Protein backbone atom coordinates (compact mmCIF):
# COMPACT_ATOMS: atom_id res chain seq x y z
CA MET A 1 67.94 -6.99 5.60
CA GLY A 2 69.84 -4.59 2.83
CA ALA A 3 69.38 -6.73 -0.43
CA ASP A 4 69.49 -5.56 -3.67
CA PRO A 5 66.33 -7.57 -4.88
CA THR A 6 66.30 -9.81 -8.58
CA GLY A 7 63.43 -11.58 -8.10
CA ILE A 8 60.53 -13.44 -6.54
CA VAL A 9 58.96 -16.57 -6.78
CA VAL A 10 55.51 -17.06 -6.63
CA GLY A 11 53.75 -19.83 -5.65
CA LEU A 12 49.97 -19.52 -7.05
CA GLY A 13 47.05 -21.69 -6.14
CA LEU A 14 43.37 -21.12 -8.47
CA PRO A 15 39.66 -22.08 -8.61
CA ALA A 16 39.23 -24.33 -12.23
CA THR A 17 36.72 -20.69 -12.56
CA ALA A 18 39.37 -18.18 -12.21
CA ALA A 19 38.96 -15.85 -15.63
CA ALA A 20 42.20 -15.41 -18.00
CA GLY A 21 42.24 -11.97 -17.54
CA TRP A 22 41.65 -11.33 -14.48
CA LEU A 23 44.97 -13.90 -14.29
CA ASP A 24 46.35 -10.95 -17.05
CA ASP A 25 45.90 -8.96 -14.60
CA LEU A 26 47.33 -10.29 -11.79
CA ALA A 27 50.42 -10.76 -14.39
CA ASP A 28 50.76 -7.52 -14.59
CA GLY A 29 50.72 -6.28 -11.18
CA PHE A 30 53.95 -8.54 -10.98
CA ARG A 31 55.67 -6.99 -13.38
CA ASP A 32 54.84 -3.72 -12.36
CA GLU A 33 56.11 -3.69 -9.64
CA CYS A 34 59.14 -5.69 -9.49
CA ASP A 35 59.99 -3.71 -12.96
CA LEU A 36 60.35 -0.82 -9.74
CA VAL A 37 63.43 -2.32 -8.39
CA GLY A 38 64.53 -4.57 -11.59
CA ALA A 39 63.10 -7.27 -10.39
CA SER A 40 61.13 -10.12 -12.03
CA VAL A 41 59.67 -13.61 -11.90
CA VAL A 42 62.05 -16.40 -11.84
CA GLY A 43 59.65 -19.03 -10.82
CA GLY A 44 57.45 -20.55 -8.34
CA ASP A 45 54.14 -23.20 -9.11
CA THR A 46 50.51 -23.69 -9.96
CA THR A 47 47.71 -25.51 -8.57
CA ARG A 48 44.06 -25.94 -8.52
CA CYS A 49 42.77 -24.69 -4.79
CA ASP A 50 39.03 -24.19 -3.94
CA LEU A 51 40.08 -20.36 -2.93
CA VAL A 52 42.41 -18.19 -4.44
CA VAL A 53 46.26 -18.51 -2.75
CA ILE A 54 48.73 -16.92 -3.02
CA GLY A 55 52.51 -17.10 -1.84
CA VAL A 56 55.44 -15.03 -3.64
CA THR A 57 59.27 -15.42 -2.08
CA ALA A 58 61.48 -12.43 -2.96
CA LEU A 59 65.06 -13.06 -3.71
CA GLY A 60 67.90 -10.45 -3.24
CA ASP A 61 71.71 -10.66 -3.12
CA LEU A 62 73.78 -8.75 -0.18
CA GLY A 63 76.30 -7.88 -2.09
CA GLY A 64 78.84 -9.13 0.56
CA ARG A 65 76.95 -7.37 3.28
CA ALA A 66 76.03 -9.08 6.20
CA PRO A 67 72.75 -9.06 6.26
CA VAL A 68 70.78 -6.86 8.60
CA THR A 69 68.63 -9.28 11.30
CA ARG A 70 66.28 -7.75 13.65
CA SER A 71 68.21 -8.56 16.48
CA GLY A 72 70.96 -6.22 16.88
CA ALA A 73 70.18 -2.83 17.46
CA ARG A 74 71.48 -1.58 21.52
CA PRO A 75 70.96 1.09 24.02
CA GLY A 76 71.76 4.52 22.74
CA ASP A 77 70.39 3.92 18.71
CA VAL A 78 68.51 6.12 17.50
CA VAL A 79 65.28 4.20 16.01
CA ALA A 80 64.45 5.76 12.33
CA VAL A 81 61.64 5.72 9.42
CA ALA A 82 61.51 5.20 5.82
CA GLY A 83 58.30 5.61 3.69
CA ARG A 84 54.26 6.10 4.62
CA LEU A 85 52.71 5.37 8.22
CA GLY A 86 49.09 5.48 9.15
CA HIS A 87 48.11 5.69 5.09
CA ALA A 88 46.57 2.17 4.51
CA ALA A 89 45.19 2.38 8.06
CA ALA A 90 43.02 5.50 7.12
CA GLY A 91 42.44 3.77 3.83
CA LEU A 92 41.57 0.97 5.28
CA ALA A 93 39.79 2.96 8.22
CA LEU A 94 37.42 5.14 5.27
CA LEU A 95 36.23 1.67 3.56
CA ARG A 96 34.79 0.32 6.90
CA SER A 97 32.87 3.64 7.62
CA GLY A 98 31.39 3.65 4.41
CA ARG A 99 32.94 6.96 3.86
CA ALA A 100 35.28 6.36 0.76
CA ALA A 101 33.00 7.72 -0.85
CA GLY A 102 33.68 11.48 0.38
CA ALA A 103 32.40 13.59 3.11
CA GLU A 104 29.43 13.33 3.06
CA PRO A 105 27.23 9.90 1.42
CA GLY A 106 25.83 10.97 -2.17
CA ASP A 107 29.06 12.69 -2.69
CA PRO A 108 30.03 12.57 -6.73
CA GLU A 109 33.17 12.58 -6.53
CA PRO A 110 35.43 12.38 -3.26
CA PRO A 111 38.21 14.30 -1.72
CA ALA A 112 41.65 13.57 -3.52
CA ALA A 113 42.99 13.46 -0.11
CA LEU A 114 40.02 10.57 0.69
CA VAL A 115 41.10 8.72 -2.56
CA ALA A 116 44.77 9.14 -1.86
CA LEU A 117 44.61 7.00 1.21
CA VAL A 118 42.12 4.23 0.36
CA ASP A 119 44.86 3.72 -2.54
CA ALA A 120 47.38 3.28 0.08
CA HIS A 121 45.59 0.95 1.59
CA ARG A 122 45.03 -0.79 -1.90
CA ARG A 123 48.82 -0.50 -2.90
CA PRO A 124 51.37 0.32 -1.14
CA ARG A 125 54.22 2.26 -1.87
CA PRO A 126 57.31 0.42 -0.53
CA PRO A 127 60.56 2.62 0.16
CA TYR A 128 62.63 -0.35 -2.02
CA ALA A 129 65.53 1.55 -2.30
CA CYS A 130 65.89 2.66 1.52
CA GLY A 131 66.91 -0.70 2.36
CA VAL A 132 69.99 -1.36 0.81
CA GLN A 133 70.71 2.79 1.94
CA ALA A 134 70.23 1.51 5.54
CA ALA A 135 72.24 -1.20 5.74
CA GLU A 136 75.03 0.70 3.91
CA LEU A 137 74.60 3.41 6.78
CA GLY A 138 75.62 0.69 8.84
CA ALA A 139 72.05 0.18 10.74
CA THR A 140 71.74 -2.56 13.82
CA ALA A 141 68.79 -3.69 13.31
CA MET A 142 65.47 -3.63 10.66
CA LEU A 143 62.23 -4.47 9.25
CA ASP A 144 58.78 -3.64 7.46
CA VAL A 145 56.34 -1.86 9.42
CA SER A 146 53.59 -4.24 8.51
CA ASP A 147 51.35 -5.29 11.52
CA GLY A 148 52.37 -1.41 13.20
CA LEU A 149 55.10 0.42 13.85
CA MET A 150 54.87 0.16 17.66
CA GLN A 151 54.22 -3.86 17.48
CA ASP A 152 56.62 -3.88 14.84
CA LEU A 153 59.63 -2.27 16.82
CA GLY A 154 59.02 -4.71 19.67
CA HIS A 155 60.05 -7.33 17.23
CA ILE A 156 63.49 -5.91 17.19
CA ALA A 157 63.39 -5.40 21.22
CA ASP A 158 62.19 -8.49 22.14
CA ALA A 159 64.80 -9.69 19.44
CA GLY A 160 67.86 -7.66 20.88
CA GLY A 161 66.43 -7.55 23.94
CA VAL A 162 66.08 -3.82 24.59
CA GLY A 163 63.79 -1.54 24.69
CA ILE A 164 62.99 1.24 22.44
CA VAL A 165 61.66 5.24 23.53
CA LEU A 166 58.99 6.71 20.43
CA ASP A 167 58.59 10.64 20.52
CA PRO A 168 55.57 10.78 19.10
CA ALA A 169 55.76 14.80 18.46
CA ALA A 170 58.23 13.61 16.06
CA LEU A 171 55.94 11.95 13.54
CA ALA A 172 55.02 14.87 11.49
CA VAL A 173 51.08 14.04 10.29
CA PRO A 174 50.37 14.16 6.52
CA ALA A 175 47.15 16.86 5.82
CA GLU A 176 45.62 13.70 4.34
CA LEU A 177 45.77 12.03 7.53
CA GLU A 178 44.12 14.90 9.25
CA ALA A 179 41.42 14.87 7.23
CA ALA A 180 40.33 11.47 7.52
CA ALA A 181 40.55 11.67 10.94
CA ARG A 182 38.22 14.58 11.41
CA LEU A 183 35.69 13.00 9.26
CA LEU A 184 35.73 9.89 11.35
CA GLY A 185 36.71 11.66 14.69
CA ALA A 186 40.04 9.42 14.75
CA ASP A 187 43.26 10.11 16.14
CA PRO A 188 45.76 10.20 13.48
CA LEU A 189 48.27 9.54 15.47
CA ASP A 190 46.94 6.14 16.34
CA TRP A 191 46.89 5.45 12.53
CA MET A 192 50.75 6.31 12.45
CA LEU A 193 51.72 4.67 15.82
CA THR A 194 49.08 1.16 15.35
CA GLY A 195 48.07 0.86 11.40
CA GLY A 196 50.20 -1.83 9.65
CA ASP A 197 50.27 -2.00 5.49
CA ASP A 198 52.51 1.24 4.76
CA HIS A 199 55.35 -1.20 4.43
CA ALA A 200 57.54 1.43 5.88
CA LEU A 201 61.18 0.66 6.91
CA ALA A 202 62.42 0.85 10.48
CA ALA A 203 65.30 0.74 11.57
CA ALA A 204 67.94 1.33 14.60
CA PHE A 205 70.92 2.63 13.81
CA PRO A 206 74.51 3.74 15.83
CA ARG A 207 73.85 6.58 17.41
CA GLY A 208 75.97 9.96 15.36
CA VAL A 209 74.96 8.22 11.97
CA ARG A 210 73.53 11.18 9.58
CA LEU A 211 70.08 10.03 8.51
CA PRO A 212 69.84 11.61 5.38
CA PRO A 213 65.80 11.98 3.99
CA PRO A 214 63.38 10.05 3.70
CA TRP A 215 64.52 8.36 7.49
CA THR A 216 63.46 10.76 9.89
CA GLU A 217 64.61 9.71 13.73
CA ILE A 218 61.75 8.85 15.82
CA GLY A 219 63.39 7.55 19.29
CA ARG A 220 66.49 5.72 20.26
CA VAL A 221 67.21 1.84 22.25
CA VAL A 222 67.21 2.35 25.38
CA GLU A 223 67.89 -0.59 28.39
CA GLY A 224 64.62 -2.61 29.00
CA ALA A 225 61.96 -4.02 27.06
CA GLY A 226 58.75 -3.22 24.91
CA VAL A 227 58.05 -0.07 22.79
CA GLU A 228 56.77 2.83 24.76
CA ALA A 229 55.48 6.07 22.86
CA GLY A 230 54.27 9.22 24.96
CA GLY A 231 52.28 6.35 27.25
CA ARG A 232 50.83 4.26 24.51
CA THR A 233 52.65 0.45 24.70
CA SER A 234 53.22 -2.51 22.39
CA GLU A 235 50.59 -4.15 23.67
CA ARG A 236 48.18 -1.62 22.98
CA GLY A 237 48.07 -1.99 19.42
CA GLY A 238 48.46 -3.41 16.07
CA TRP A 239 47.79 -6.68 14.07
CA ASP A 240 48.59 -9.53 16.04
CA HIS A 241 47.90 -12.23 13.55
CA PHE A 242 47.39 -14.83 16.29
CA ARG A 243 45.97 -12.35 19.14
CA ALA A 244 42.26 -13.33 20.37
């Protein structure tokens, strides 16, 4: 929403058998991620639970700016993204296929490209600084890509009462996605359009705004509804927590 991160509050449910070493590693992970943005764990609660349950609330300071919500996109705006797309989905596909260990079963060391994709699934790299940057550039709507680019842009379209048309040719497919797609017989563009958990940022900007790297223009806001990308629609992919 365009705020500078300041802290997180952690709600933690744990079984009585939770190992102290595992808890140390969890705390280290919170610290390391907070250090990336100059934030810290500022509070929370712990309770006994049969399963490990972790709930995190992130806090930020808008510095007097208005929050960038999902509902501000208007026809004529451009749509842009910052951060990786499809990497986490490709990493998950590799893990599910059993091919994450290498190009062929039994390979002693997996290619570096495959390792990078699995790592992207296990530990995403959100472009934290780009949220504030987008707000300062005048973004009209913004969210993170957690459930798939088309599905999440569908939330912006629904909230603003607009349509979004994407240009698939504007999405440059990285070499590591090409390598994984060849291995699995998949379409890397499907991962980029419908894969979640990379936590890239997607935003709408007024036409004419000069977008610095790493922002890449990938489409436009139009009159209408829904999201379309080269014949694909937002109903045909992405993660929906409540879809049967």
